[in-house]
Amino acid sequence: MQEGKKIVVSVRLKEELVSKIDQIARENNVPRSEVIMKALVWYMEKRGYTRNNHL
């Protein structure tokens, strides 16, 4: 992504995403940041990146 380029996301979508992250964190008794990091790792690996093949 280019520096300074903004991604517009609807407020409703943000609220739904935060709500889902909070729900998963509560159900698994883990911090919200861990849920976000695991989701990012999953997404990056799904897109073909490996842990040793950084951006």
Protein backbone atom coordinates (compact mmCIF):
# COMPACT_ATOMS: atom_id res chain seq x y z
CA MET A 1 0.00 0.00 0.00
CA GLN A 2 1.25 3.49 -0.77
CA GLU A 3 2.31 5.77 2.06
CA GLY A 4 -0.50 8.11 3.04
CA LYS A 5 -3.18 6.30 1.02
CA LYS A 6 -6.35 5.99 3.05
CA ILE A 7 -8.74 3.09 3.06
CA VAL A 8 -12.34 4.12 3.68
CA VAL A 9 -14.26 1.65 5.83
CA SER A 10 -17.81 2.25 6.93
CA VAL A 11 -18.43 2.94 10.60
CA ARG A 12 -20.87 0.02 10.74
CA LEU A 13 -18.26 -2.38 9.36
CA LYS A 14 -15.68 -1.14 11.89
CA GLU A 15 -18.15 -1.63 14.72
CA GLU A 16 -19.00 -5.15 13.53
CA LEU A 17 -15.31 -6.04 13.23
CA VAL A 18 -14.42 -4.70 16.69
CA SER A 19 -17.44 -6.48 18.14
CA LYS A 20 -16.41 -9.80 16.56
CA ILE A 21 -12.79 -9.41 17.71
CA ASP A 22 -13.99 -8.68 21.27
CA GLN A 23 -16.31 -11.70 21.17
CA ILE A 24 -13.53 -14.06 20.01
CA ALA A 25 -11.14 -12.64 22.63
CA ARG A 26 -13.71 -13.19 25.41
CA GLU A 27 -14.61 -16.72 24.26
CA ASN A 28 -10.95 -17.74 24.16
CA ASN A 29 -9.88 -15.73 27.21
CA VAL A 30 -7.04 -14.00 25.32
CA PRO A 31 -6.17 -10.33 24.75
CA ARG A 32 -7.76 -8.56 21.79
CA SER A 33 -4.28 -7.93 20.33
CA GLU A 34 -3.63 -11.68 20.12
CA VAL A 35 -6.82 -12.21 18.12
CA ILE A 36 -5.80 -9.42 15.73
CA MET A 37 -2.24 -10.77 15.32
CA LYS A 38 -3.45 -14.32 14.64
CA ALA A 39 -5.93 -13.01 12.08
CA LEU A 40 -3.18 -11.02 10.34
CA VAL A 41 -0.80 -13.99 10.28
CA TRP A 42 -3.57 -16.22 8.89
CA TYR A 43 -4.41 -13.66 6.21
CA MET A 44 -0.77 -13.11 5.19
CA GLU A 45 -0.12 -16.87 4.96
CA LYS A 46 -3.33 -17.29 2.96
CA ARG A 47 -2.06 -14.66 0.53
CA GLY A 48 1.15 -16.62 0.02
CA TYR A 49 3.54 -14.96 2.45
CA THR A 50 5.47 -17.13 4.86
CA ARG A 51 6.86 -16.10 8.22
CA ASN A 52 10.32 -15.83 6.66
CA ASN A 53 9.14 -14.08 3.48
CA HIS A 54 8.30 -10.62 4.78
CA LEU A 55 6.77 -7.84 2.73
